[in-house]
C-alpha atoms as a PDB file:
ATOM      1  CA  MET A   1    -111.358 -28.169 -62.641  1.00  0.00           C
ATOM      2  CA  THR A   2    -109.918 -24.700 -63.186  1.00  0.00           C
ATOM      3  CA  ARG A   3    -109.387 -23.339 -59.567  1.00  0.00           C
ATOM      4  CA  PRO A   4    -111.322 -20.529 -58.251  1.00  0.00           C
ATOM      5  CA  ARG A   5    -110.875 -17.117 -58.623  1.00  0.00           C
ATOM      6  CA  SER A   6    -109.360 -14.857 -55.511  1.00  0.00           C
ATOM      7  CA  ALA A   7    -112.265 -12.167 -54.093  1.00  0.00           C
ATOM      8  CA  PHE A   8    -109.268  -9.321 -55.573  1.00  0.00           C
ATOM      9  CA  HIS A   9    -108.912 -11.135 -59.082  1.00  0.00           C
ATOM     10  CA  LEU A  10    -112.977 -10.492 -59.043  1.00  0.00           C
ATOM     11  CA  ASN A  11    -113.062  -7.014 -57.270  1.00  0.00           C
ATOM     12  CA  PRO A  12    -110.818  -4.031 -58.961  1.00  0.00           C
ATOM     13  CA  VAL A  13    -111.788  -1.950 -56.066  1.00  0.00           C
ATOM     14  CA  GLY A  14    -110.776  -4.334 -53.585  1.00  0.00           C
ATOM     15  CA  THR A  15    -107.443  -4.614 -55.458  1.00  0.00           C
ATOM     16  CA  SER A  16    -107.361  -1.280 -55.899  1.00  0.00           C
ATOM     17  CA  LEU A  17    -108.411  -0.666 -51.862  1.00  0.00           C
ATOM     18  CA  ALA A  18    -105.543  -3.272 -51.270  1.00  0.00           C
ATOM     19  CA  TYR A  19    -102.622  -1.592 -52.991  1.00  0.00           C
ATOM     20  CA  PHE A  20    -103.563   1.859 -51.852  1.00  0.00           C
ATOM     21  CA  GLY A  21    -104.035   0.610 -47.836  1.00  0.00           C
ATOM     22  CA  LEU A  22    -100.216  -1.296 -48.937  1.00  0.00           C
ATOM     23  CA  GLY A  23     -98.721   2.087 -49.970  1.00  0.00           C
ATOM     24  CA  LEU A  24    -100.004   3.866 -46.815  1.00  0.00           C
ATOM     25  CA  ALA A  25     -98.484   1.159 -44.909  1.00  0.00           C
ATOM     26  CA  VAL A  26     -95.532   1.671 -46.422  1.00  0.00           C
ATOM     27  CA  LEU A  27     -95.568   5.539 -46.449  1.00  0.00           C
ATOM     28  CA  GLN A  28     -95.790   5.614 -42.712  1.00  0.00           C
ATOM     29  CA  ALA A  29     -93.196   3.333 -42.573  1.00  0.00           C
ATOM     30  CA  MET A  30     -90.875   4.486 -44.775  1.00  0.00           C
ATOM     31  CA  GLY A  31     -91.812   8.221 -43.919  1.00  0.00           C
ATOM     32  CA  PRO A  32     -89.675   9.110 -40.906  1.00  0.00           C
ATOM     33  CA  VAL A  33     -86.514   7.294 -42.945  1.00  0.00           C
ATOM     34  CA  LEU A  34     -87.090   9.325 -45.825  1.00  0.00           C
ATOM     35  CA  TRP A  35     -87.394  12.739 -43.516  1.00  0.00           C
ATOM     36  CA  LEU A  36     -84.128  11.505 -41.379  1.00  0.00           C
ATOM     37  CA  LEU A  37     -82.379  11.512 -44.251  1.00  0.00           C
ATOM     38  CA  VAL A  38     -83.239  14.676 -45.867  1.00  0.00           C
ATOM     39  CA  GLY A  39     -83.285  16.385 -42.553  1.00  0.00           C
ATOM     40  CA  SER A  40     -79.608  15.651 -41.940  1.00  0.00           C
ATOM     41  CA  LEU A  41     -78.092  16.562 -45.321  1.00  0.00           C
ATOM     42  CA  LYS A  42     -79.826  20.120 -44.348  1.00  0.00           C
ATOM     43  CA  ALA A  43     -77.518  23.472 -43.263  1.00  0.00           C
ATOM     44  CA  ARG A  44     -79.054  24.368 -39.201  1.00  0.00           C
ATOM     45  CA  PRO A  45     -80.833  27.809 -41.031  1.00  0.00           C
ATOM     46  CA  GLU A  46     -82.183  25.624 -44.144  1.00  0.00           C
ATOM     47  CA  PHE A  47     -83.661  23.080 -42.056  1.00  0.00           C
ATOM     48  CA  TYR A  48     -85.179  25.601 -39.465  1.00  0.00           C
ATOM     49  CA  ALA A  49     -86.443  27.649 -42.347  1.00  0.00           C
ATOM     50  CA  ASP A  50     -87.896  24.569 -43.993  1.00  0.00           C
ATOM     51  CA  PRO A  51     -87.807  21.764 -41.937  1.00  0.00           C
ATOM     52  CA  TRP A  52     -90.268  19.315 -44.751  1.00  0.00           C
ATOM     53  CA  GLY A  53     -88.663  20.254 -47.837  1.00  0.00           C
ATOM     54  CA  PRO A  54     -85.641  19.265 -49.602  1.00  0.00           C
ATOM     55  CA  PRO A  55     -82.027  20.316 -49.339  1.00  0.00           C
ATOM     56  CA  LYS A  56     -80.821  23.380 -51.917  1.00  0.00           C
ATOM     57  CA  ALA A  57     -77.282  21.672 -50.999  1.00  0.00           C
ATOM     58  CA  TRP A  58     -76.400  18.099 -50.243  1.00  0.00           C
ATOM     59  CA  LEU A  59     -74.119  18.523 -47.178  1.00  0.00           C
ATOM     60  CA  ILE A  60     -72.768  15.621 -46.829  1.00  0.00           C
ATOM     61  CA  GLN A  61     -70.195  17.305 -44.278  1.00  0.00           C
ATOM     62  CA  ASN A  62     -72.418  16.878 -41.810  1.00  0.00           C
ATOM     63  CA  TYR A  63     -72.431  13.227 -41.082  1.00  0.00           C
ATOM     64  CA  ALA A  64     -68.729  13.650 -40.158  1.00  0.00           C
ATOM     65  CA  ASP A  65     -68.887  16.482 -38.018  1.00  0.00           C
ATOM     66  CA  ALA A  66     -71.458  14.305 -36.042  1.00  0.00           C
ATOM     67  CA  PHE A  67     -69.650  11.239 -35.903  1.00  0.00           C
ATOM     68  CA  VAL A  68     -66.667  13.620 -34.318  1.00  0.00           C
ATOM     69  CA  THR A  69     -69.670  15.342 -32.108  1.00  0.00           C
ATOM     70  CA  ALA A  70     -71.376  12.315 -31.007  1.00  0.00           C
ATOM     71  CA  ARG A  71     -67.813  10.489 -30.533  1.00  0.00           C
ATOM     72  CA  ILE A  72     -70.057   7.054 -32.228  1.00  0.00           C
ATOM     73  CA  GLY A  73     -67.802   4.971 -32.678  1.00  0.00           C
ATOM     74  CA  ASP A  74     -67.044   4.716 -29.034  1.00  0.00           C
ATOM     75  CA  TYR A  75     -70.404   4.304 -27.886  1.00  0.00           C
ATOM     76  CA  VAL A  76     -71.115   1.894 -30.195  1.00  0.00           C
ATOM     77  CA  LEU A  77     -68.443  -0.455 -29.485  1.00  0.00           C
ATOM     78  CA  ASN A  78     -69.801   0.757 -25.765  1.00  0.00           C
ATOM     79  CA  SER A  79     -73.664  -1.144 -27.041  1.00  0.00           C
ATOM     80  CA  ALA A  80     -71.406  -3.493 -28.761  1.00  0.00           C
ATOM     81  CA  ILE A  81     -69.893  -5.122 -25.718  1.00  0.00           C
ATOM     82  CA  VAL A  82     -72.568  -4.613 -24.159  1.00  0.00           C
ATOM     83  CA  VAL A  83     -74.994  -6.319 -26.117  1.00  0.00           C
ATOM     84  CA  GLY A  84     -72.431  -9.275 -26.652  1.00  0.00           C
ATOM     85  CA  LEU A  85     -72.340  -9.697 -22.987  1.00  0.00           C
ATOM     86  CA  GLY A  86     -75.918  -9.494 -22.851  1.00  0.00           C
ATOM     87  CA  LEU A  87     -76.830 -11.842 -25.769  1.00  0.00           C
ATOM     88  CA  ALA A  88     -74.376 -14.143 -24.405  1.00  0.00           C
ATOM     89  CA  ILE A  89     -75.988 -14.338 -20.866  1.00  0.00           C
ATOM     90  CA  LEU A  90     -79.322 -14.760 -22.304  1.00  0.00           C
ATOM     91  CA  LEU A  91     -78.995 -16.756 -24.916  1.00  0.00           C
ATOM     92  CA  VAL A  92     -77.147 -20.060 -22.966  1.00  0.00           C
ATOM     93  CA  CYS A  93     -79.756 -19.448 -19.710  1.00  0.00           C
ATOM     94  CA  ALA A  94     -82.436 -19.445 -22.239  1.00  0.00           C
ATOM     95  CA  ALA A  95     -81.622 -22.261 -24.194  1.00  0.00           C
ATOM     96  CA  THR A  96     -80.513 -24.877 -21.119  1.00  0.00           C
ATOM     97  CA  THR A  97     -83.564 -24.313 -19.301  1.00  0.00           C
ATOM     98  CA  ALA A  98     -85.835 -23.789 -22.298  1.00  0.00           C
ATOM     99  CA  TYR A  99     -83.984 -27.535 -23.628  1.00  0.00           C
ATOM    100  CA  ALA A 100     -85.080 -28.512 -20.360  1.00  0.00           C
ATOM    101  CA  LEU A 101     -88.887 -27.776 -19.927  1.00  0.00           C
ATOM    102  CA  ALA A 102     -89.180 -28.762 -23.461  1.00  0.00           C
ATOM    103  CA  ARG A 103     -87.364 -32.622 -22.962  1.00  0.00           C
ATOM    104  CA  PHE A 104     -87.296 -33.132 -19.168  1.00  0.00           C
ATOM    105  CA  ALA A 105     -90.185 -34.181 -17.466  1.00  0.00           C
ATOM    106  CA  PHE A 106     -89.525 -33.607 -14.095  1.00  0.00           C
ATOM    107  CA  PRO A 107     -91.871 -32.552 -10.798  1.00  0.00           C
ATOM    108  CA  GLY A 108     -93.442 -29.126 -11.049  1.00  0.00           C
ATOM    109  CA  ARG A 109     -91.980 -27.930 -14.590  1.00  0.00           C
ATOM    110  CA  ASP A 110     -95.478 -26.878 -15.695  1.00  0.00           C
ATOM    111  CA  LEU A 111     -95.483 -24.397 -12.552  1.00  0.00           C
ATOM    112  CA  VAL A 112     -91.432 -23.265 -13.712  1.00  0.00           C
ATOM    113  CA  LEU A 113     -92.534 -22.534 -17.002  1.00  0.00           C
ATOM    114  CA  ALA A 114     -95.890 -20.273 -15.548  1.00  0.00           C
ATOM    115  CA  VAL A 115     -93.328 -18.814 -13.236  1.00  0.00           C
ATOM    116  CA  ILE A 116     -90.793 -17.868 -16.433  1.00  0.00           C
ATOM    117  CA  LEU A 117     -94.284 -17.123 -18.218  1.00  0.00           C
ATOM    118  CA  MET A 118     -94.909 -14.407 -16.375  1.00  0.00           C
ATOM    119  CA  THR A 119     -92.464 -12.910 -15.603  1.00  0.00           C
ATOM    120  CA  MET A 120     -92.591 -11.575 -19.319  1.00  0.00           C
ATOM    121  CA  MET A 121     -95.247  -8.960 -17.221  1.00  0.00           C
ATOM    122  CA  VAL A 122     -92.966  -7.509 -15.059  1.00  0.00           C
ATOM    123  CA  PRO A 123     -90.745  -4.865 -17.849  1.00  0.00           C
ATOM    124  CA  PRO A 124     -86.965  -4.294 -15.628  1.00  0.00           C
ATOM    125  CA  ASP A 125     -87.877  -0.572 -15.847  1.00  0.00           C
ATOM    126  CA  ILE A 126     -90.475  -0.649 -12.629  1.00  0.00           C
ATOM    127  CA  LEU A 127     -87.858  -3.444 -10.728  1.00  0.00           C
ATOM    128  CA  THR A 128     -85.693   0.054 -10.904  1.00  0.00           C
ATOM    129  CA  VAL A 129     -84.824   0.519  -7.527  1.00  0.00           C
ATOM    130  CA  PRO A 130     -84.113  -3.323  -6.524  1.00  0.00           C
ATOM    131  CA  LEU A 131     -81.986  -3.714  -9.274  1.00  0.00           C
ATOM    132  CA  PHE A 132     -79.880  -0.614  -8.618  1.00  0.00           C
ATOM    133  CA  LEU A 133     -79.690  -2.098  -4.983  1.00  0.00           C
ATOM    134  CA  THR A 134     -78.269  -5.396  -6.303  1.00  0.00           C
ATOM    135  CA  LEU A 135     -76.208  -4.144  -8.267  1.00  0.00           C
ATOM    136  CA  ARG A 136     -74.458  -1.282  -5.915  1.00  0.00           C
ATOM    137  CA  SER A 137     -74.548  -4.864  -3.157  1.00  0.00           C
ATOM    138  CA  LEU A 138     -72.398  -6.667  -5.808  1.00  0.00           C
ATOM    139  CA  GLY A 139     -70.104  -4.123  -7.196  1.00  0.00           C
ATOM    140  CA  LEU A 140     -72.070  -4.604 -10.479  1.00  0.00           C
ATOM    141  CA  LEU A 141     -72.928  -0.999 -10.569  1.00  0.00           C
ATOM    142  CA  GLY A 142     -71.569   0.960 -13.890  1.00  0.00           C
ATOM    143  CA  SER A 143     -70.311  -2.231 -15.042  1.00  0.00           C
ATOM    144  CA  TYR A 144     -70.914  -3.130 -18.786  1.00  0.00           C
ATOM    145  CA  LEU A 145     -71.404  -6.573 -16.751  1.00  0.00           C
ATOM    146  CA  GLY A 146     -74.307  -5.519 -14.734  1.00  0.00           C
ATOM    147  CA  LEU A 147     -75.986  -3.725 -17.238  1.00  0.00           C
ATOM    148  CA  ALA A 148     -75.792  -7.071 -19.501  1.00  0.00           C
ATOM    149  CA  LEU A 149     -77.452  -8.546 -16.528  1.00  0.00           C
ATOM    150  CA  ILE A 150     -80.288  -6.704 -17.134  1.00  0.00           C
ATOM    151  CA  TYR A 151     -80.578  -7.102 -19.685  1.00  0.00           C
ATOM    152  CA  ALA A 152     -80.479 -10.510 -20.266  1.00  0.00           C
ATOM    153  CA  VAL A 153     -82.923 -10.836 -17.493  1.00  0.00           C
ATOM    154  CA  GLY A 154     -85.483  -8.540 -19.177  1.00  0.00           C
ATOM    155  CA  GLY A 155     -85.081 -10.933 -22.134  1.00  0.00           C
ATOM    156  CA  PHE A 156     -84.872 -14.563 -20.789  1.00  0.00           C
ATOM    157  CA  GLY A 157     -89.322 -15.402 -20.634  1.00  0.00           C
ATOM    158  CA  MET A 158     -89.998 -14.585 -24.009  1.00  0.00           C
ATOM    159  CA  SER A 159     -86.572 -16.040 -25.484  1.00  0.00           C
ATOM    160  CA  VAL A 160     -87.712 -19.106 -22.935  1.00  0.00           C
ATOM    161  CA  PHE A 161     -90.776 -19.192 -24.685  1.00  0.00           C
ATOM    162  CA  LEU A 162     -89.911 -19.370 -28.185  1.00  0.00           C
ATOM    163  CA  LEU A 163     -86.994 -21.135 -28.423  1.00  0.00           C
ATOM    164  CA  ARG A 164     -89.346 -24.076 -25.845  1.00  0.00           C
ATOM    165  CA  GLY A 165     -91.769 -23.737 -28.838  1.00  0.00           C
ATOM    166  CA  TYR A 166     -89.004 -24.574 -31.496  1.00  0.00           C
ATOM    167  CA  PHE A 167     -87.468 -27.139 -29.214  1.00  0.00           C
ATOM    168  CA  MET A 168     -90.618 -28.970 -29.067  1.00  0.00           C
ATOM    169  CA  GLY A 169     -91.014 -29.404 -33.396  1.00  0.00           C
ATOM    170  CA  VAL A 170     -87.346 -31.315 -33.134  1.00  0.00           C
ATOM    171  CA  PRO A 171     -88.308 -34.966 -33.482  1.00  0.00           C
ATOM    172  CA  ALA A 172     -86.985 -36.565 -29.980  1.00  0.00           C
ATOM    173  CA  GLU A 173     -85.345 -39.681 -32.800  1.00  0.00           C
ATOM    174  CA  LEU A 174     -82.330 -37.165 -33.875  1.00  0.00           C
ATOM    175  CA  GLU A 175     -81.902 -36.939 -29.858  1.00  0.00           C
ATOM    176  CA  GLU A 176     -82.058 -40.309 -29.332  1.00  0.00           C
ATOM    177  CA  ALA A 177     -80.163 -41.409 -32.242  1.00  0.00           C
ATOM    178  CA  ALA A 178     -77.240 -38.591 -30.779  1.00  0.00           C
ATOM    179  CA  ARG A 179     -77.719 -40.080 -27.226  1.00  0.00           C
ATOM    180  CA  LEU A 180     -77.130 -43.615 -29.459  1.00  0.00           C
ATOM    181  CA  ASP A 181     -73.910 -42.344 -30.774  1.00  0.00           C
ATOM    182  CA  GLY A 182     -72.211 -41.437 -26.745  1.00  0.00           C
ATOM    183  CA  ALA A 183     -73.875 -37.373 -27.251  1.00  0.00           C
ATOM    184  CA  GLY A 184     -74.088 -36.084 -23.833  1.00  0.00           C
ATOM    185  CA  THR A 185     -77.194 -33.400 -22.984  1.00  0.00           C
ATOM    186  CA  LEU A 186     -75.547 -30.962 -23.695  1.00  0.00           C
ATOM    187  CA  HIS A 187     -73.759 -32.082 -27.066  1.00  0.00           C
ATOM    188  CA  VAL A 188     -77.210 -32.710 -27.791  1.00  0.00           C
ATOM    189  CA  LEU A 189     -78.656 -29.220 -27.418  1.00  0.00           C
ATOM    190  CA  TRP A 190     -75.756 -27.764 -29.156  1.00  0.00           C
ATOM    191  CA  HIS A 191     -75.183 -29.761 -32.163  1.00  0.00           C
ATOM    192  CA  VAL A 192     -78.381 -31.881 -32.739  1.00  0.00           C
ATOM    193  CA  ILE A 193     -81.408 -29.445 -31.378  1.00  0.00           C
ATOM    194  CA  LEU A 194     -79.480 -25.507 -32.009  1.00  0.00           C
ATOM    195  CA  PRO A 195     -78.900 -26.234 -35.401  1.00  0.00           C
ATOM    196  CA  MET A 196     -82.626 -27.923 -36.143  1.00  0.00           C
ATOM    197  CA  SER A 197     -83.677 -24.572 -34.077  1.00  0.00           C
ATOM    198  CA  LEU A 198     -81.472 -22.344 -36.331  1.00  0.00           C
ATOM    199  CA  PRO A 199     -84.265 -19.990 -37.325  1.00  0.00           C
ATOM    200  CA  GLY A 200     -85.894 -19.556 -33.694  1.00  0.00           C
ATOM    201  CA  PHE A 201     -82.770 -18.745 -32.558  1.00  0.00           C
ATOM    202  CA  LEU A 202     -82.159 -16.388 -34.557  1.00  0.00           C
ATOM    203  CA  SER A 203     -85.422 -14.666 -34.710  1.00  0.00           C
ATOM    204  CA  VAL A 204     -84.102 -14.302 -30.523  1.00  0.00           C
ATOM    205  CA  VAL A 205     -80.850 -12.612 -31.866  1.00  0.00           C
ATOM    206  CA  ILE A 206     -83.063 -10.210 -33.358  1.00  0.00           C
ATOM    207  CA  ILE A 207     -85.658  -9.189 -31.103  1.00  0.00           C
ATOM    208  CA  GLN A 208     -83.558  -9.106 -27.654  1.00  0.00           C
ATOM    209  CA  ALA A 209     -80.501  -7.528 -29.839  1.00  0.00           C
ATOM    210  CA  ILE A 210     -82.761  -4.755 -31.131  1.00  0.00           C
ATOM    211  CA  GLY A 211     -84.693  -3.933 -27.858  1.00  0.00           C
ATOM    212  CA  MET A 212     -80.797  -3.755 -26.026  1.00  0.00           C
ATOM    213  CA  TRP A 213     -79.497  -1.851 -28.941  1.00  0.00           C
ATOM    214  CA  ASN A 214     -82.210   1.041 -28.443  1.00  0.00           C
ATOM    215  CA  ASP A 215     -82.971   1.294 -24.631  1.00  0.00           C
ATOM    216  CA  LEU A 216     -82.353   4.269 -23.247  1.00  0.00           C
ATOM    217  CA  TYR A 217     -83.910   4.212 -19.678  1.00  0.00           C
ATOM    218  CA  LEU A 218     -81.424   1.628 -18.616  1.00  0.00           C
ATOM    219  CA  ALA A 219     -78.638   2.465 -20.239  1.00  0.00           C
ATOM    220  CA  PHE A 220     -79.516   6.073 -18.037  1.00  0.00           C
ATOM    221  CA  VAL A 221     -80.102   4.720 -14.966  1.00  0.00           C
ATOM    222  CA  PHE A 222     -76.948   2.469 -14.332  1.00  0.00           C
ATOM    223  CA  ILE A 223     -74.023   3.540 -16.596  1.00  0.00           C
ATOM    224  CA  ARG A 224     -72.055   6.270 -14.009  1.00  0.00           C
ATOM    225  CA  ASP A 225     -69.073   6.532 -16.509  1.00  0.00           C
ATOM    226  CA  PRO A 226     -69.778   9.086 -19.603  1.00  0.00           C
ATOM    227  CA  ASP A 227     -67.132   7.379 -21.377  1.00  0.00           C
ATOM    228  CA  MET A 228     -69.311   3.914 -20.806  1.00  0.00           C
ATOM    229  CA  ALA A 229     -72.112   5.675 -22.824  1.00  0.00           C
ATOM    230  CA  THR A 230     -74.291   3.498 -24.952  1.00  0.00           C
ATOM    231  CA  VAL A 231     -76.155   4.491 -28.456  1.00  0.00           C
ATOM    232  CA  PRO A 232     -78.726   6.567 -26.940  1.00  0.00           C
ATOM    233  CA  LEU A 233     -77.108   7.857 -24.163  1.00  0.00           C
ATOM    234  CA  GLY A 234     -74.624   9.039 -26.262  1.00  0.00           C
ATOM    235  CA  LEU A 235     -76.742  10.962 -28.446  1.00  0.00           C
ATOM    236  CA  LEU A 236     -78.093  12.820 -25.851  1.00  0.00           C
ATOM    237  CA  ASN A 237     -75.496  15.457 -26.016  1.00  0.00           C
ATOM    238  CA  PHE A 238     -76.998  17.035 -29.049  1.00  0.00           C
ATOM    239  CA  PHE A 239     -79.803  18.127 -26.559  1.00  0.00           C
ATOM    240  CA  ARG A 240     -78.201  21.357 -24.853  1.00  0.00           C
ATOM    241  CA  ARG A 241     -80.619  23.651 -22.798  1.00  0.00           C
ATOM    242  CA  ASP A 242     -80.196  26.766 -25.302  1.00  0.00           C
ATOM    243  CA  SER A 243     -80.912  25.033 -28.688  1.00  0.00           C
ATOM    244  CA  ILE A 244     -80.431  21.371 -30.733  1.00  0.00           C
ATOM    245  CA  ASN A 245     -78.430  21.028 -33.853  1.00  0.00           C
ATOM    246  CA  TRP A 246     -80.656  18.954 -35.509  1.00  0.00           C
ATOM    247  CA  PRO A 247     -79.232  18.306 -38.616  1.00  0.00           C
ATOM    248  CA  LEU A 248     -75.659  16.649 -36.808  1.00  0.00           C
ATOM    249  CA  LEU A 249     -78.882  14.401 -34.834  1.00  0.00           C
ATOM    250  CA  LEU A 250     -80.344  13.391 -37.885  1.00  0.00           C
ATOM    251  CA  ALA A 251     -76.407  12.760 -39.544  1.00  0.00           C
ATOM    252  CA  ALA A 252     -76.013  10.844 -36.231  1.00  0.00           C
ATOM    253  CA  LEU A 253     -79.718   8.774 -36.113  1.00  0.00           C
ATOM    254  CA  THR A 254     -79.187   7.639 -40.458  1.00  0.00           C
ATOM    255  CA  ILE A 255     -75.572   6.866 -39.310  1.00  0.00           C
ATOM    256  CA  LEU A 256     -77.245   3.897 -36.989  1.00  0.00           C
ATOM    257  CA  THR A 257     -80.464   2.997 -38.192  1.00  0.00           C
ATOM    258  CA  ILE A 258     -78.862   2.080 -41.825  1.00  0.00           C
ATOM    259  CA  PRO A 259     -76.858  -0.995 -40.802  1.00  0.00           C
ATOM    260  CA  VAL A 260     -79.781  -1.846 -38.377  1.00  0.00           C
ATOM    261  CA  LEU A 261     -82.496  -1.467 -41.316  1.00  0.00           C
ATOM    262  CA  ILE A 262     -80.039  -3.884 -43.851  1.00  0.00           C
ATOM    263  CA  ILE A 263     -79.284  -6.218 -41.753  1.00  0.00           C
ATOM    264  CA  TYR A 264     -82.989  -6.544 -40.237  1.00  0.00           C
ATOM    265  CA  ALA A 265     -83.377  -6.694 -44.026  1.00  0.00           C
ATOM    266  CA  MET A 266     -81.404  -8.962 -44.330  1.00  0.00           C
ATOM    267  CA  ALA A 267     -82.498 -11.834 -41.822  1.00  0.00           C
ATOM    268  CA  GLN A 268     -86.454 -10.965 -42.327  1.00  0.00           C
ATOM    269  CA  ARG A 269     -87.581 -13.620 -43.344  1.00  0.00           C
ATOM    270  CA  ARG A 270     -84.842 -16.059 -40.404  1.00  0.00           C
ATOM    271  CA  PHE A 271     -86.760 -13.385 -38.228  1.00  0.00           C
ATOM    272  CA  VAL A 272     -91.239 -13.773 -39.588  1.00  0.00           C
ATOM    273  CA  GLU A 273     -90.429 -17.862 -40.102  1.00  0.00           C
ATOM    274  CA  GLY A 274     -88.205 -17.884 -36.228  1.00  0.00           C
ATOM    275  CA  PHE A 275     -91.155 -15.905 -34.616  1.00  0.00           C
ATOM    276  CA  THR A 276     -93.967 -17.614 -35.597  1.00  0.00           C
ATOM    277  CA  SER A 277     -92.931 -21.319 -35.606  1.00  0.00           C
ATOM    278  CA  GLY A 278     -91.201 -21.143 -32.250  1.00  0.00           C
ATOM    279  CA  ALA A 279     -94.636 -19.512 -30.672  1.00  0.00           C
ATOM    280  CA  VAL A 280     -96.798 -21.704 -32.265  1.00  0.00           C
ATOM    281  CA  LYS A 281     -95.720 -25.263 -31.817  1.00  0.00           C
END
């Protein structure tokens, strides 16, 4: 018995339209990246004369100048510290909470889950004043730890939602076998649940890390020392009252964008698998 052919094989017009739509999607996604790369290789007068055309000569020096002018190395280190602290706090709290909600039966569990999910509808931006007063009273205003705590709180609801869904998909028999061998609750979570939920765990890391890395508003409000500025704050140095050096700005953005695209491309399969599977289980 022959298998039925798909509609695309039977309809060349539909196939052509599908590829055309995919081509437009790729162009929409990669067009700004290509313009970023091309603009970063131009001289400043050439960019203002023709911002869309190819460079007449590739000015690689823009990258060296941007690295020095924007102090990219310092700001990348600052961002790495904040993102690392934020992820560490978030993953510990979210993983333990998600495990409790997925495996333990206690009064009010559904209510706790509902309250946590409702926090996903409250962006930290509208809580700027209360957060500012809280950090000031705790002595954490203007510190890496204070900003990391805000990032962790902002991503807590989504992380618990994804991890709980993935933890519920792990067979309970594996936990029972580990407990028979004398493993405690945290030991089971660390050595059994998390390895079995690695795609979901990685999806949480990628989603939250990108959000923390790209944040400008919260960092602008809560970081007071210019030497502690993160990458988005550091890029503001290119914006002057009278003019903007666009080629150097684009070079700095390219330096910061290309590694993120490479990491995302390498982890894309894990990211999609963890995001979809964890959300439906």
